[in-house]
Amino acid sequence: MERFVYSIDDDRLSERLDQAIRGRGAFRRFKDLIYNQGIEDEWHAFRTRSMEQIVLRWLNDHGIPWRRSDDGADSNVDVQR
């Protein structure tokens, strides 16, 4: 969430999001704010890309071959067996 917050170009919104992710109840405040600001699609796309990077790094680190799917999906990865 923090990396997403700092990726936001709008300084005021970025600051509000930064405050939202601090302390108890952070995820609820963050979620409420992204939905109120209409940036939930941007959050979900950012999260998906970030998770994909983590998975691909793990696969590479463990020598597991993979390739992108050819089905036209935004982010499908096939592990080669």
N, C-alpha and C. Protein backbone atom coordinates (compact mmCIF):
# COMPACT_ATOMS: atom_id res chain seq x y z
N MET A 1 0.83 -1.18 0.00
CA MET A 1 0.00 0.00 0.00
C MET A 1 0.87 1.25 0.00
N GLU A 2 1.98 1.19 0.73
CA GLU A 2 2.83 2.36 0.82
C GLU A 2 3.43 2.72 -0.54
N ARG A 3 3.86 1.73 -1.30
CA ARG A 3 4.41 2.01 -2.64
C ARG A 3 3.35 2.61 -3.54
N PHE A 4 2.12 2.16 -3.42
CA PHE A 4 1.03 2.74 -4.19
C PHE A 4 0.82 4.20 -3.80
N VAL A 5 0.81 4.46 -2.51
CA VAL A 5 0.62 5.82 -2.01
C VAL A 5 1.62 6.77 -2.65
N TYR A 6 2.89 6.35 -2.70
CA TYR A 6 3.94 7.22 -3.23
C TYR A 6 3.95 7.27 -4.75
N SER A 7 3.17 6.40 -5.40
CA SER A 7 3.07 6.45 -6.86
C SER A 7 2.01 7.43 -7.34
N ILE A 8 1.20 7.94 -6.43
CA ILE A 8 0.12 8.86 -6.77
C ILE A 8 0.70 10.24 -7.08
N ASP A 9 0.34 10.80 -8.24
CA ASP A 9 0.86 12.11 -8.65
C ASP A 9 0.24 13.28 -7.87
N ASP A 10 -0.99 13.13 -7.45
CA ASP A 10 -1.68 14.19 -6.71
C ASP A 10 -1.13 14.22 -5.27
N ASP A 11 -0.36 15.26 -4.96
CA ASP A 11 0.30 15.35 -3.65
C ASP A 11 -0.67 15.34 -2.49
N ARG A 12 -1.79 16.03 -2.62
CA ARG A 12 -2.77 16.06 -1.52
C ARG A 12 -3.37 14.69 -1.28
N LEU A 13 -3.72 14.01 -2.36
CA LEU A 13 -4.29 12.66 -2.22
C LEU A 13 -3.25 11.70 -1.69
N SER A 14 -2.03 11.80 -2.18
CA SER A 14 -0.96 10.94 -1.70
C SER A 14 -0.76 11.13 -0.19
N GLU A 15 -0.81 12.37 0.26
CA GLU A 15 -0.66 12.65 1.69
C GLU A 15 -1.82 12.07 2.50
N ARG A 16 -3.04 12.22 1.98
CA ARG A 16 -4.21 11.65 2.67
C ARG A 16 -4.11 10.13 2.77
N LEU A 17 -3.67 9.51 1.66
CA LEU A 17 -3.51 8.06 1.67
C LEU A 17 -2.41 7.64 2.64
N ASP A 18 -1.33 8.42 2.68
CA ASP A 18 -0.23 8.12 3.60
C ASP A 18 -0.72 8.16 5.05
N GLN A 19 -1.53 9.13 5.37
CA GLN A 19 -2.08 9.22 6.73
C GLN A 19 -3.03 8.06 7.00
N ALA A 20 -3.77 7.64 5.98
CA ALA A 20 -4.76 6.57 6.14
C ALA A 20 -4.11 5.23 6.46
N ILE A 21 -2.89 5.00 5.98
CA ILE A 21 -2.27 3.68 6.17
C ILE A 21 -1.47 3.58 7.46
N ARG A 22 -1.57 4.55 8.30
CA ARG A 22 -0.84 4.54 9.58
C ARG A 22 -1.75 4.11 10.72
N GLY A 23 -1.26 3.20 11.53
CA GLY A 23 -1.96 2.82 12.76
C GLY A 23 -3.05 1.79 12.56
N ARG A 24 -3.75 1.56 13.64
CA ARG A 24 -4.81 0.57 13.67
C ARG A 24 -5.95 0.96 12.72
N GLY A 25 -6.47 -0.02 11.98
CA GLY A 25 -7.56 0.22 11.05
C GLY A 25 -7.09 0.79 9.72
N ALA A 26 -5.79 0.67 9.47
CA ALA A 26 -5.20 1.28 8.28
C ALA A 26 -5.82 0.76 6.98
N PHE A 27 -6.00 -0.54 6.89
CA PHE A 27 -6.50 -1.08 5.63
C PHE A 27 -7.91 -0.59 5.36
N ARG A 28 -8.76 -0.54 6.37
CA ARG A 28 -10.14 -0.06 6.20
C ARG A 28 -10.14 1.40 5.75
N ARG A 29 -9.32 2.24 6.38
CA ARG A 29 -9.26 3.65 5.99
C ARG A 29 -8.74 3.80 4.56
N PHE A 30 -7.70 3.04 4.22
CA PHE A 30 -7.14 3.07 2.88
C PHE A 30 -8.21 2.66 1.85
N LYS A 31 -8.87 1.55 2.11
CA LYS A 31 -9.90 1.06 1.20
C LYS A 31 -11.03 2.07 1.04
N ASP A 32 -11.50 2.62 2.14
CA ASP A 32 -12.57 3.62 2.06
C ASP A 32 -12.14 4.82 1.23
N LEU A 33 -10.92 5.28 1.42
CA LEU A 33 -10.43 6.45 0.71
C LEU A 33 -10.26 6.19 -0.78
N ILE A 34 -9.70 5.02 -1.15
CA ILE A 34 -9.53 4.77 -2.59
C ILE A 34 -10.89 4.64 -3.29
N TYR A 35 -11.88 4.08 -2.61
CA TYR A 35 -13.21 3.98 -3.21
C TYR A 35 -13.87 5.36 -3.27
N ASN A 36 -13.72 6.16 -2.23
CA ASN A 36 -14.30 7.50 -2.23
C ASN A 36 -13.67 8.38 -3.30
N GLN A 37 -12.39 8.17 -3.59
CA GLN A 37 -11.68 8.97 -4.59
C GLN A 37 -11.78 8.39 -6.00
N GLY A 38 -12.37 7.21 -6.13
CA GLY A 38 -12.56 6.59 -7.43
C GLY A 38 -11.28 6.05 -8.05
N ILE A 39 -10.32 5.65 -7.20
CA ILE A 39 -9.05 5.13 -7.72
C ILE A 39 -8.86 3.65 -7.38
N GLU A 40 -9.96 2.97 -7.13
CA GLU A 40 -9.84 1.56 -6.77
C GLU A 40 -9.29 0.73 -7.93
N ASP A 41 -9.64 1.08 -9.17
CA ASP A 41 -9.10 0.33 -10.31
C ASP A 41 -7.59 0.48 -10.40
N GLU A 42 -7.11 1.70 -10.14
CA GLU A 42 -5.66 1.93 -10.16
C GLU A 42 -4.98 1.12 -9.07
N TRP A 43 -5.59 1.05 -7.87
CA TRP A 43 -5.04 0.26 -6.77
C TRP A 43 -4.97 -1.22 -7.14
N HIS A 44 -6.08 -1.74 -7.68
CA HIS A 44 -6.12 -3.16 -8.02
C HIS A 44 -5.10 -3.50 -9.11
N ALA A 45 -4.95 -2.64 -10.10
CA ALA A 45 -3.95 -2.87 -11.16
C ALA A 45 -2.54 -2.82 -10.58
N PHE A 46 -2.28 -1.85 -9.70
CA PHE A 46 -0.97 -1.72 -9.06
C PHE A 46 -0.66 -2.96 -8.23
N ARG A 47 -1.64 -3.40 -7.46
CA ARG A 47 -1.46 -4.59 -6.60
C ARG A 47 -1.20 -5.84 -7.45
N THR A 48 -1.94 -5.99 -8.53
CA THR A 48 -1.75 -7.14 -9.41
C THR A 48 -0.34 -7.15 -10.00
N ARG A 49 0.10 -5.99 -10.51
CA ARG A 49 1.46 -5.90 -11.07
C ARG A 49 2.51 -6.21 -10.01
N SER A 50 2.31 -5.70 -8.81
CA SER A 50 3.27 -5.94 -7.73
C SER A 50 3.34 -7.41 -7.35
N MET A 51 2.19 -8.05 -7.25
CA MET A 51 2.16 -9.47 -6.90
C MET A 51 2.81 -10.30 -8.01
N GLU A 52 2.56 -9.92 -9.26
CA GLU A 52 3.17 -10.64 -10.37
C GLU A 52 4.70 -10.53 -10.29
N GLN A 53 5.20 -9.35 -9.99
CA GLN A 53 6.65 -9.18 -9.87
C GLN A 53 7.23 -10.06 -8.77
N ILE A 54 6.53 -10.17 -7.66
CA ILE A 54 6.98 -11.01 -6.55
C ILE A 54 7.03 -12.48 -6.99
N VAL A 55 5.97 -12.92 -7.64
CA VAL A 55 5.91 -14.32 -8.09
C VAL A 55 7.00 -14.61 -9.10
N LEU A 56 7.18 -13.73 -10.09
CA LEU A 56 8.19 -13.96 -11.11
C LEU A 56 9.59 -13.95 -10.52
N ARG A 57 9.86 -13.07 -9.56
CA ARG A 57 11.16 -13.05 -8.90
C ARG A 57 11.39 -14.37 -8.15
N TRP A 58 10.36 -14.87 -7.47
CA TRP A 58 10.47 -16.13 -6.74
C TRP A 58 10.73 -17.28 -7.70
N LEU A 59 9.99 -17.33 -8.80
CA LEU A 59 10.19 -18.39 -9.78
C LEU A 59 11.62 -18.35 -10.32
N ASN A 60 12.09 -17.16 -10.67
CA ASN A 60 13.46 -17.02 -11.18
C ASN A 60 14.49 -17.42 -10.14
N ASP A 61 14.30 -16.99 -8.91
CA ASP A 61 15.24 -17.31 -7.84
C ASP A 61 15.33 -18.82 -7.59
N HIS A 62 14.25 -19.54 -7.87
CA HIS A 62 14.22 -20.98 -7.64
C HIS A 62 14.42 -21.79 -8.92
N GLY A 63 14.78 -21.09 -9.99
CA GLY A 63 15.08 -21.78 -11.24
C GLY A 63 13.90 -22.47 -11.88
N ILE A 64 12.72 -21.96 -11.65
CA ILE A 64 11.51 -22.57 -12.20
C ILE A 64 11.16 -21.83 -13.50
N PRO A 65 11.17 -22.54 -14.63
CA PRO A 65 10.87 -21.88 -15.90
C PRO A 65 9.40 -21.46 -15.98
N TRP A 66 9.18 -20.36 -16.66
CA TRP A 66 7.83 -19.84 -16.84
C TRP A 66 7.78 -19.09 -18.16
N ARG A 67 6.56 -18.86 -18.64
CA ARG A 67 6.36 -18.04 -19.84
C ARG A 67 5.01 -17.33 -19.72
N ARG A 68 4.90 -16.24 -20.44
CA ARG A 68 3.62 -15.53 -20.47
C ARG A 68 2.64 -16.33 -21.31
N SER A 69 1.39 -16.34 -20.89
CA SER A 69 0.34 -17.00 -21.66
C SER A 69 0.05 -16.20 -22.91
N ASP A 70 -0.39 -16.87 -23.92
CA ASP A 70 -0.74 -16.21 -25.17
C ASP A 70 -2.24 -15.99 -25.30
N ASP A 71 -2.96 -16.03 -24.20
CA ASP A 71 -4.42 -15.95 -24.28
C ASP A 71 -4.95 -14.52 -24.25
N GLY A 72 -4.05 -13.53 -24.26
CA GLY A 72 -4.48 -12.14 -24.30
C GLY A 72 -4.81 -11.54 -22.95
N ALA A 73 -4.73 -12.32 -21.89
CA ALA A 73 -5.01 -11.78 -20.55
C ALA A 73 -3.91 -10.81 -20.15
N ASP A 74 -4.25 -9.89 -19.27
CA ASP A 74 -3.30 -8.86 -18.85
C ASP A 74 -2.07 -9.44 -18.17
N SER A 75 -2.25 -10.42 -17.32
CA SER A 75 -1.10 -10.90 -16.57
C SER A 75 -1.23 -12.37 -16.23
N ASN A 76 -1.11 -13.20 -17.24
CA ASN A 76 -1.11 -14.64 -17.00
C ASN A 76 0.28 -15.19 -17.23
N VAL A 77 0.72 -16.01 -16.31
CA VAL A 77 2.02 -16.64 -16.40
C VAL A 77 1.81 -18.14 -16.26
N ASP A 78 2.37 -18.90 -17.20
CA ASP A 78 2.32 -20.36 -17.13
C ASP A 78 3.65 -20.85 -16.61
N VAL A 79 3.61 -21.71 -15.60
CA VAL A 79 4.82 -22.36 -15.10
C VAL A 79 5.04 -23.59 -15.97
N GLN A 80 6.26 -23.72 -16.48
CA GLN A 80 6.59 -24.85 -17.33
C GLN A 80 6.87 -26.07 -16.45
N ARG A 81 6.32 -27.18 -16.82
CA ARG A 81 6.55 -28.40 -16.04
C ARG A 81 7.22 -29.44 -16.88
